[in-house]
Amino acid sequence: MSYKKANDVLPHNLLHAIQQYIDGQYIYIPRKADNKLAWGANTETRKSLQVRNGEILAKRLAGCSVSDLAEQYFLSEKTIYKIINASKNS
């Protein structure tokens, strides 16, 4: 998300009307529902987490303990269990 100057993008009368409510402060204008993107759509984060979770599951199935996985991936044991259970349900 980047900031835009209201003077550059809004008509003068609309800018004046907004200033009646919020003058000189930041305001967030949310995206329209049609334009919303899913989490991770603009980055590779979602894909890298899927790869990591696949590695965790494979290592667990190969006999690695949950505590070792938690230490190796810097996650809690509870999170490791969630990853394993989520992969069983998908």
PDB file of N, CA and C in Angstrom:
ATOM      1  N   MET A   1       0.853  -1.160   0.000  1.00  0.00           N
ATOM      2  CA  MET A   1       0.000   0.000   0.000  1.00  0.00           C
ATOM      3  C   MET A   1       0.905   1.229   0.000  1.00  0.00           C
ATOM      4  N   SER A   2       0.538   2.205  -0.801  1.00  0.00           N
ATOM      5  CA  SER A   2       1.311   3.445  -0.837  1.00  0.00           C
ATOM      6  C   SER A   2       0.370   4.622  -0.614  1.00  0.00           C
ATOM      7  N   TYR A   3       0.959   5.696  -0.136  1.00  0.00           N
ATOM      8  CA  TYR A   3       0.175   6.894   0.121  1.00  0.00           C
ATOM      9  C   TYR A   3       0.068   7.737  -1.135  1.00  0.00           C
ATOM     10  N   LYS A   4      -1.065   8.344  -1.312  1.00  0.00           N
ATOM     11  CA  LYS A   4      -1.311   9.277  -2.413  1.00  0.00           C
ATOM     12  C   LYS A   4      -1.749  10.599  -1.806  1.00  0.00           C
ATOM     13  N   LYS A   5      -1.380  11.689  -2.446  1.00  0.00           N
ATOM     14  CA  LYS A   5      -1.836  12.994  -1.982  1.00  0.00           C
ATOM     15  C   LYS A   5      -3.285  13.177  -2.417  1.00  0.00           C
ATOM     16  N   ALA A   6      -4.128  13.526  -1.466  1.00  0.00           N
ATOM     17  CA  ALA A   6      -5.549  13.719  -1.764  1.00  0.00           C
ATOM     18  C   ALA A   6      -5.730  14.817  -2.807  1.00  0.00           C
ATOM     19  N   ASN A   7      -4.874  15.841  -2.751  1.00  0.00           N
ATOM     20  CA  ASN A   7      -4.965  16.922  -3.738  1.00  0.00           C
ATOM     21  C   ASN A   7      -4.783  16.412  -5.160  1.00  0.00           C
ATOM     22  N   ASP A   8      -4.009  15.335  -5.300  1.00  0.00           N
ATOM     23  CA  ASP A   8      -3.705  14.804  -6.631  1.00  0.00           C
ATOM     24  C   ASP A   8      -4.764  13.847  -7.159  1.00  0.00           C
ATOM     25  N   VAL A   9      -5.550  13.233  -6.280  1.00  0.00           N
ATOM     26  CA  VAL A   9      -6.454  12.176  -6.742  1.00  0.00           C
ATOM     27  C   VAL A   9      -7.941  12.450  -6.513  1.00  0.00           C
ATOM     28  N   LEU A  10      -8.270  13.408  -5.659  1.00  0.00           N
ATOM     29  CA  LEU A  10      -9.685  13.667  -5.368  1.00  0.00           C
ATOM     30  C   LEU A  10     -10.124  15.008  -5.950  1.00  0.00           C
ATOM     31  N   PRO A  11     -11.365  15.078  -6.401  1.00  0.00           N
ATOM     32  CA  PRO A  11     -11.901  16.368  -6.839  1.00  0.00           C
ATOM     33  C   PRO A  11     -11.931  17.347  -5.658  1.00  0.00           C
ATOM     34  N   HIS A  12     -11.777  18.634  -5.947  1.00  0.00           N
ATOM     35  CA  HIS A  12     -11.682  19.665  -4.906  1.00  0.00           C
ATOM     36  C   HIS A  12     -12.889  19.642  -3.966  1.00  0.00           C
ATOM     37  N   ASN A  13     -14.096  19.501  -4.508  1.00  0.00           N
ATOM     38  CA  ASN A  13     -15.284  19.526  -3.652  1.00  0.00           C
ATOM     39  C   ASN A  13     -15.350  18.300  -2.723  1.00  0.00           C
ATOM     40  N   LEU A  14     -14.896  17.151  -3.199  1.00  0.00           N
ATOM     41  CA  LEU A  14     -14.868  15.962  -2.352  1.00  0.00           C
ATOM     42  C   LEU A  14     -13.803  16.109  -1.262  1.00  0.00           C
ATOM     43  N   LEU A  15     -12.655  16.635  -1.620  1.00  0.00           N
ATOM     44  CA  LEU A  15     -11.596  16.869  -0.650  1.00  0.00           C
ATOM     45  C   LEU A  15     -12.070  17.821   0.442  1.00  0.00           C
ATOM     46  N   HIS A  16     -12.754  18.881   0.052  1.00  0.00           N
ATOM     47  CA  HIS A  16     -13.278  19.849   1.013  1.00  0.00           C
ATOM     48  C   HIS A  16     -14.295  19.186   1.951  1.00  0.00           C
ATOM     49  N   ALA A  17     -15.159  18.323   1.410  1.00  0.00           N
ATOM     50  CA  ALA A  17     -16.150  17.623   2.230  1.00  0.00           C
ATOM     51  C   ALA A  17     -15.469  16.685   3.236  1.00  0.00           C
ATOM     52  N   ILE A  18     -14.425  15.990   2.807  1.00  0.00           N
ATOM     53  CA  ILE A  18     -13.699  15.091   3.714  1.00  0.00           C
ATOM     54  C   ILE A  18     -13.014  15.889   4.813  1.00  0.00           C
ATOM     55  N   GLN A  19     -12.498  17.054   4.474  1.00  0.00           N
ATOM     56  CA  GLN A  19     -11.812  17.890   5.468  1.00  0.00           C
ATOM     57  C   GLN A  19     -12.755  18.365   6.570  1.00  0.00           C
ATOM     58  N   GLN A  20     -14.043  18.361   6.322  1.00  0.00           N
ATOM     59  CA  GLN A  20     -15.007  18.724   7.353  1.00  0.00           C
ATOM     60  C   GLN A  20     -15.013  17.688   8.474  1.00  0.00           C
ATOM     61  N   TYR A  21     -14.669  16.434   8.142  1.00  0.00           N
ATOM     62  CA  TYR A  21     -14.698  15.343   9.110  1.00  0.00           C
ATOM     63  C   TYR A  21     -13.321  15.024   9.671  1.00  0.00           C
ATOM     64  N   ILE A  22     -12.311  15.095   8.828  1.00  0.00           N
ATOM     65  CA  ILE A  22     -10.958  14.731   9.244  1.00  0.00           C
ATOM     66  C   ILE A  22      -9.992  15.656   8.521  1.00  0.00           C
ATOM     67  N   ASP A  23      -9.411  16.561   9.260  1.00  0.00           N
ATOM     68  CA  ASP A  23      -8.580  17.605   8.663  1.00  0.00           C
ATOM     69  C   ASP A  23      -7.115  17.387   9.013  1.00  0.00           C
ATOM     70  N   GLY A  24      -6.311  17.076   8.018  1.00  0.00           N
ATOM     71  CA  GLY A  24      -4.880  16.937   8.213  1.00  0.00           C
ATOM     72  C   GLY A  24      -4.445  15.649   8.874  1.00  0.00           C
ATOM     73  N   GLN A  25      -5.295  14.639   8.892  1.00  0.00           N
ATOM     74  CA  GLN A  25      -4.951  13.349   9.484  1.00  0.00           C
ATOM     75  C   GLN A  25      -4.980  12.274   8.416  1.00  0.00           C
ATOM     76  N   TYR A  26      -4.407  11.129   8.734  1.00  0.00           N
ATOM     77  CA  TYR A  26      -4.420  10.010   7.801  1.00  0.00           C
ATOM     78  C   TYR A  26      -5.773   9.324   7.842  1.00  0.00           C
ATOM     79  N   ILE A  27      -6.177   8.826   6.700  1.00  0.00           N
ATOM     80  CA  ILE A  27      -7.424   8.063   6.615  1.00  0.00           C
ATOM     81  C   ILE A  27      -7.173   6.879   5.690  1.00  0.00           C
ATOM     82  N   TYR A  28      -7.681   5.728   6.068  1.00  0.00           N
ATOM     83  CA  TYR A  28      -7.550   4.526   5.253  1.00  0.00           C
ATOM     84  C   TYR A  28      -8.854   4.322   4.496  1.00  0.00           C
ATOM     85  N   ILE A  29      -8.746   4.142   3.203  1.00  0.00           N
ATOM     86  CA  ILE A  29      -9.920   3.861   2.379  1.00  0.00           C
ATOM     87  C   ILE A  29      -9.790   2.411   1.920  1.00  0.00           C
ATOM     88  N   PRO A  30     -10.669   1.535   2.406  1.00  0.00           N
ATOM     89  CA  PRO A  30     -10.544   0.111   2.073  1.00  0.00           C
ATOM     90  C   PRO A  30     -10.860  -0.169   0.606  1.00  0.00           C
ATOM     91  N   ARG A  31     -10.339  -1.274   0.134  1.00  0.00           N
ATOM     92  CA  ARG A  31     -10.618  -1.701  -1.237  1.00  0.00           C
ATOM     93  C   ARG A  31     -12.085  -2.114  -1.362  1.00  0.00           C
ATOM     94  N   LYS A  32     -12.588  -2.014  -2.575  1.00  0.00           N
ATOM     95  CA  LYS A  32     -13.919  -2.543  -2.845  1.00  0.00           C
ATOM     96  C   LYS A  32     -13.860  -4.059  -2.724  1.00  0.00           C
ATOM     97  N   ALA A  33     -14.961  -4.664  -2.335  1.00  0.00           N
ATOM     98  CA  ALA A  33     -14.997  -6.115  -2.126  1.00  0.00           C
ATOM     99  C   ALA A  33     -14.584  -6.863  -3.393  1.00  0.00           C
ATOM    100  N   ASP A  34     -14.918  -6.330  -4.554  1.00  0.00           N
ATOM    101  CA  ASP A  34     -14.576  -6.985  -5.818  1.00  0.00           C
ATOM    102  C   ASP A  34     -13.069  -6.999  -6.068  1.00  0.00           C
ATOM    103  N   ASN A  35     -12.334  -6.069  -5.473  1.00  0.00           N
ATOM    104  CA  ASN A  35     -10.904  -5.931  -5.742  1.00  0.00           C
ATOM    105  C   ASN A  35     -10.015  -6.523  -4.659  1.00  0.00           C
ATOM    106  N   LYS A  36     -10.618  -7.117  -3.640  1.00  0.00           N
ATOM    107  CA  LYS A  36      -9.813  -7.674  -2.547  1.00  0.00           C
ATOM    108  C   LYS A  36      -9.050  -8.894  -3.031  1.00  0.00           C
ATOM    109  N   LEU A  37      -7.820  -9.010  -2.545  1.00  0.00           N
ATOM    110  CA  LEU A  37      -6.975 -10.142  -2.880  1.00  0.00           C
ATOM    111  C   LEU A  37      -6.875 -11.078  -1.683  1.00  0.00           C
ATOM    112  N   ALA A  38      -6.668 -12.325  -1.960  1.00  0.00           N
ATOM    113  CA  ALA A  38      -6.480 -13.297  -0.890  1.00  0.00           C
ATOM    114  C   ALA A  38      -5.144 -13.060  -0.213  1.00  0.00           C
ATOM    115  N   TRP A  39      -5.023 -13.487   1.037  1.00  0.00           N
ATOM    116  CA  TRP A  39      -3.787 -13.325   1.774  1.00  0.00           C
ATOM    117  C   TRP A  39      -2.666 -14.021   1.025  1.00  0.00           C
ATOM    118  N   GLY A  40      -1.545 -13.324   0.847  1.00  0.00           N
ATOM    119  CA  GLY A  40      -0.375 -13.903   0.198  1.00  0.00           C
ATOM    120  C   GLY A  40      -0.423 -13.869  -1.312  1.00  0.00           C
ATOM    121  N   ALA A  41      -1.425 -13.231  -1.906  1.00  0.00           N
ATOM    122  CA  ALA A  41      -1.553 -13.208  -3.360  1.00  0.00           C
ATOM    123  C   ALA A  41      -0.466 -12.380  -4.026  1.00  0.00           C
ATOM    124  N   ASN A  42       0.062 -11.381  -3.351  1.00  0.00           N
ATOM    125  CA  ASN A  42       1.087 -10.517  -3.940  1.00  0.00           C
ATOM    126  C   ASN A  42       2.504 -10.961  -3.612  1.00  0.00           C
ATOM    127  N   THR A  43       2.660 -11.962  -2.797  1.00  0.00           N
ATOM    128  CA  THR A  43       3.994 -12.405  -2.379  1.00  0.00           C
ATOM    129  C   THR A  43       4.115 -13.911  -2.535  1.00  0.00           C
ATOM    130  N   GLU A  44       5.285 -14.404  -2.265  1.00  0.00           N
ATOM    131  CA  GLU A  44       5.537 -15.841  -2.320  1.00  0.00           C
ATOM    132  C   GLU A  44       5.362 -16.496  -0.945  1.00  0.00           C
ATOM    133  N   THR A  45       4.880 -15.746   0.030  1.00  0.00           N
ATOM    134  CA  THR A  45       4.784 -16.258   1.392  1.00  0.00           C
ATOM    135  C   THR A  45       3.912 -17.497   1.476  1.00  0.00           C
ATOM    136  N   ARG A  46       2.760 -17.460   0.851  1.00  0.00           N
ATOM    137  CA  ARG A  46       1.846 -18.601   0.926  1.00  0.00           C
ATOM    138  C   ARG A  46       2.514 -19.862   0.373  1.00  0.00           C
ATOM    139  N   LYS A  47       3.187 -19.711  -0.759  1.00  0.00           N
ATOM    140  CA  LYS A  47       3.842 -20.866  -1.377  1.00  0.00           C
ATOM    141  C   LYS A  47       4.991 -21.375  -0.508  1.00  0.00           C
ATOM    142  N   SER A  48       5.775 -20.469   0.065  1.00  0.00           N
ATOM    143  CA  SER A  48       6.898 -20.902   0.897  1.00  0.00           C
ATOM    144  C   SER A  48       6.402 -21.609   2.166  1.00  0.00           C
ATOM    145  N   LEU A  49       5.274 -21.167   2.718  1.00  0.00           N
ATOM    146  CA  LEU A  49       4.705 -21.846   3.886  1.00  0.00           C
ATOM    147  C   LEU A  49       4.187 -23.232   3.523  1.00  0.00           C
ATOM    148  N   GLN A  50       3.621 -23.372   2.330  1.00  0.00           N
ATOM    149  CA  GLN A  50       3.166 -24.694   1.885  1.00  0.00           C
ATOM    150  C   GLN A  50       4.342 -25.647   1.727  1.00  0.00           C
ATOM    151  N   VAL A  51       5.450 -25.128   1.179  1.00  0.00           N
ATOM    152  CA  VAL A  51       6.646 -25.954   1.026  1.00  0.00           C
ATOM    153  C   VAL A  51       7.184 -26.359   2.390  1.00  0.00           C
ATOM    154  N   ARG A  52       7.284 -25.365   3.311  1.00  0.00           N
ATOM    155  CA  ARG A  52       7.768 -25.649   4.662  1.00  0.00           C
ATOM    156  C   ARG A  52       6.891 -26.682   5.352  1.00  0.00           C
ATOM    157  N   ASN A  53       5.573 -26.517   5.259  1.00  0.00           N
ATOM    158  CA  ASN A  53       4.656 -27.446   5.917  1.00  0.00           C
ATOM    159  C   ASN A  53       4.760 -28.848   5.323  1.00  0.00           C
ATOM    160  N   GLY A  54       4.993 -28.921   4.003  1.00  0.00           N
ATOM    161  CA  GLY A  54       5.206 -30.221   3.360  1.00  0.00           C
ATOM    162  C   GLY A  54       6.466 -30.897   3.872  1.00  0.00           C
ATOM    163  N   GLU A  55       7.520 -30.108   4.076  1.00  0.00           N
ATOM    164  CA  GLU A  55       8.758 -30.647   4.634  1.00  0.00           C
ATOM    165  C   GLU A  55       8.533 -31.164   6.057  1.00  0.00           C
ATOM    166  N   ILE A  56       7.793 -30.401   6.837  1.00  0.00           N
ATOM    167  CA  ILE A  56       7.513 -30.798   8.221  1.00  0.00           C
ATOM    168  C   ILE A  56       6.752 -32.121   8.237  1.00  0.00           C
ATOM    169  N   LEU A  57       5.741 -32.236   7.402  1.00  0.00           N
ATOM    170  CA  LEU A  57       4.956 -33.474   7.352  1.00  0.00           C
ATOM    171  C   LEU A  57       5.821 -34.651   6.912  1.00  0.00           C
ATOM    172  N   ALA A  58       6.636 -34.439   5.889  1.00  0.00           N
ATOM    173  CA  ALA A  58       7.491 -35.523   5.401  1.00  0.00           C
ATOM    174  C   ALA A  58       8.472 -35.980   6.479  1.00  0.00           C
ATOM    175  N   LYS A  59       9.058 -35.033   7.186  1.00  0.00           N
ATOM    176  CA  LYS A  59       9.999 -35.398   8.250  1.00  0.00           C
ATOM    177  C   LYS A  59       9.293 -36.110   9.400  1.00  0.00           C
ATOM    178  N   ARG A  60       8.083 -35.695   9.697  1.00  0.00           N
ATOM    179  CA  ARG A  60       7.313 -36.353  10.771  1.00  0.00           C
ATOM    180  C   ARG A  60       6.976 -37.782  10.368  1.00  0.00           C
ATOM    181  N   LEU A  61       6.570 -37.963   9.114  1.00  0.00           N
ATOM    182  CA  LEU A  61       6.251 -39.303   8.642  1.00  0.00           C
ATOM    183  C   LEU A  61       7.498 -40.188   8.585  1.00  0.00           C
ATOM    184  N   ALA A  62       8.666 -39.561   8.429  1.00  0.00           N
ATOM    185  CA  ALA A  62       9.931 -40.302   8.409  1.00  0.00           C
ATOM    186  C   ALA A  62      10.420 -40.631   9.818  1.00  0.00           C
ATOM    187  N   GLY A  63       9.686 -40.141  10.845  1.00  0.00           N
ATOM    188  CA  GLY A  63      10.017 -40.510  12.206  1.00  0.00           C
ATOM    189  C   GLY A  63      10.617 -39.418  13.064  1.00  0.00           C
ATOM    190  N   CYS A  64      10.737 -38.225  12.554  1.00  0.00           N
ATOM    191  CA  CYS A  64      11.278 -37.112  13.334  1.00  0.00           C
ATOM    192  C   CYS A  64      10.270 -36.731  14.429  1.00  0.00           C
ATOM    193  N   SER A  65      10.765 -36.455  15.616  1.00  0.00           N
ATOM    194  CA  SER A  65       9.858 -36.117  16.717  1.00  0.00           C
ATOM    195  C   SER A  65       9.319 -34.693  16.566  1.00  0.00           C
ATOM    196  N   VAL A  66       8.179 -34.462  17.175  1.00  0.00           N
ATOM    197  CA  VAL A  66       7.549 -33.147  17.132  1.00  0.00           C
ATOM    198  C   VAL A  66       8.437 -32.102  17.795  1.00  0.00           C
ATOM    199  N   SER A  67       9.065 -32.466  18.891  1.00  0.00           N
ATOM    200  CA  SER A  67       9.929 -31.503  19.585  1.00  0.00           C
ATOM    201  C   SER A  67      11.139 -31.133  18.730  1.00  0.00           C
ATOM    202  N   ASP A  68      11.707 -32.104  18.009  1.00  0.00           N
ATOM    203  CA  ASP A  68      12.827 -31.797  17.110  1.00  0.00           C
ATOM    204  C   ASP A  68      12.381 -30.886  15.963  1.00  0.00           C
ATOM    205  N   LEU A  69      11.199 -31.148  15.426  1.00  0.00           N
ATOM    206  CA  LEU A  69      10.677 -30.305  14.343  1.00  0.00           C
ATOM    207  C   LEU A  69      10.428 -28.883  14.834  1.00  0.00           C
ATOM    208  N   ALA A  70       9.877 -28.772  16.030  1.00  0.00           N
ATOM    209  CA  ALA A  70       9.606 -27.452  16.596  1.00  0.00           C
ATOM    210  C   ALA A  70      10.906 -26.668  16.757  1.00  0.00           C
ATOM    211  N   GLU A  71      11.931 -27.332  17.223  1.00  0.00           N
ATOM    212  CA  GLU A  71      13.225 -26.668  17.407  1.00  0.00           C
ATOM    213  C   GLU A  71      13.855 -26.310  16.061  1.00  0.00           C
ATOM    214  N   GLN A  72      13.767 -27.216  15.110  1.00  0.00           N
ATOM    215  CA  GLN A  72      14.377 -26.999  13.800  1.00  0.00           C
ATOM    216  C   GLN A  72      13.725 -25.846  13.033  1.00  0.00           C
ATOM    217  N   TYR A  73      12.403 -25.718  13.136  1.00  0.00           N
ATOM    218  CA  TYR A  73      11.670 -24.700  12.375  1.00  0.00           C
ATOM    219  C   TYR A  73      11.294 -23.482  13.227  1.00  0.00           C
ATOM    220  N   PHE A  74      11.764 -23.453  14.474  1.00  0.00           N
ATOM    221  CA  PHE A  74      11.489 -22.327  15.366  1.00  0.00           C
ATOM    222  C   PHE A  74       9.990 -22.103  15.555  1.00  0.00           C
ATOM    223  N   LEU A  75       9.279 -23.187  15.756  1.00  0.00           N
ATOM    224  CA  LEU A  75       7.831 -23.158  15.978  1.00  0.00           C
ATOM    225  C   LEU A  75       7.530 -23.871  17.285  1.00  0.00           C
ATOM    226  N   SER A  76       6.344 -23.643  17.811  1.00  0.00           N
ATOM    227  CA  SER A  76       5.939 -24.368  19.010  1.00  0.00           C
ATOM    228  C   SER A  76       5.484 -25.779  18.614  1.00  0.00           C
ATOM    229  N   GLU A  77       5.493 -26.661  19.578  1.00  0.00           N
ATOM    230  CA  GLU A  77       5.017 -28.020  19.311  1.00  0.00           C
ATOM    231  C   GLU A  77       3.539 -28.002  18.912  1.00  0.00           C
ATOM    232  N   LYS A  78       2.794 -27.102  19.518  1.00  0.00           N
ATOM    233  CA  LYS A  78       1.373 -26.979  19.186  1.00  0.00           C
ATOM    234  C   LYS A  78       1.199 -26.614  17.710  1.00  0.00           C
ATOM    235  N   THR A  79       2.052 -25.723  17.202  1.00  0.00           N
ATOM    236  CA  THR A  79       1.970 -25.331  15.796  1.00  0.00           C
ATOM    237  C   THR A  79       2.333 -26.502  14.886  1.00  0.00           C
ATOM    238  N   ILE A  80       3.318 -27.284  15.281  1.00  0.00           N
ATOM    239  CA  ILE A  80       3.694 -28.467  14.490  1.00  0.00           C
ATOM    240  C   ILE A  80       2.511 -29.431  14.415  1.00  0.00           C
ATOM    241  N   TYR A  81       1.846 -29.638  15.541  1.00  0.00           N
ATOM    242  CA  TYR A  81       0.668 -30.516  15.538  1.00  0.00           C
ATOM    243  C   TYR A  81      -0.434 -29.955  14.626  1.00  0.00           C
ATOM    244  N   LYS A  82      -0.623 -28.648  14.639  1.00  0.00           N
ATOM    245  CA  LYS A  82      -1.634 -28.035  13.768  1.00  0.00           C
ATOM    246  C   LYS A  82      -1.297 -28.265  12.300  1.00  0.00           C
ATOM    247  N   ILE A  83      -0.023 -28.122  11.949  1.00  0.00           N
ATOM    248  CA  ILE A  83       0.403 -28.328  10.563  1.00  0.00           C
ATOM    249  C   ILE A  83       0.162 -29.773  10.145  1.00  0.00           C
ATOM    250  N   ILE A  84       0.509 -30.703  11.019  1.00  0.00           N
ATOM    251  CA  ILE A  84       0.322 -32.128  10.719  1.00  0.00           C
ATOM    252  C   ILE A  84      -1.163 -32.458  10.571  1.00  0.00           C
ATOM    253  N   ASN A  85      -1.991 -31.945  11.488  1.00  0.00           N
ATOM    254  CA  ASN A  85      -3.431 -32.207  11.424  1.00  0.00           C
ATOM    255  C   ASN A  85      -4.067 -31.556  10.210  1.00  0.00           C
ATOM    256  N   ALA A  86      -3.627 -30.372   9.847  1.00  0.00           N
ATOM    257  CA  ALA A  86      -4.193 -29.691   8.671  1.00  0.00           C
ATOM    258  C   ALA A  86      -3.875 -30.454   7.400  1.00  0.00           C
ATOM    259  N   SER A  87      -2.701 -31.043   7.328  1.00  0.00           N
ATOM    260  CA  SER A  87      -2.343 -31.798   6.121  1.00  0.00           C
ATOM    261  C   SER A  87      -3.134 -33.101   6.031  1.00  0.00           C
ATOM    262  N   LYS A  88      -3.509 -33.660   7.161  1.00  0.00           N
ATOM    263  CA  LYS A  88      -4.344 -34.868   7.148  1.00  0.00           C
ATOM    264  C   LYS A  88      -5.753 -34.560   6.654  1.00  0.00           C
ATOM    265  N   ASN A  89      -6.242 -33.353   6.968  1.00  0.00           N
ATOM    266  CA  ASN A  89      -7.599 -32.966   6.605  1.00  0.00           C
ATOM    267  C   ASN A  89      -7.714 -32.452   5.170  1.00  0.00           C
ATOM    268  N   SER A  90      -6.585 -32.179   4.534  1.00  0.00           N
ATOM    269  CA  SER A  90      -6.675 -31.628   3.162  1.00  0.00           C
ATOM    270  C   SER A  90      -6.480 -32.679   2.112  1.00  0.00           C
TER     271      SER A  90
END
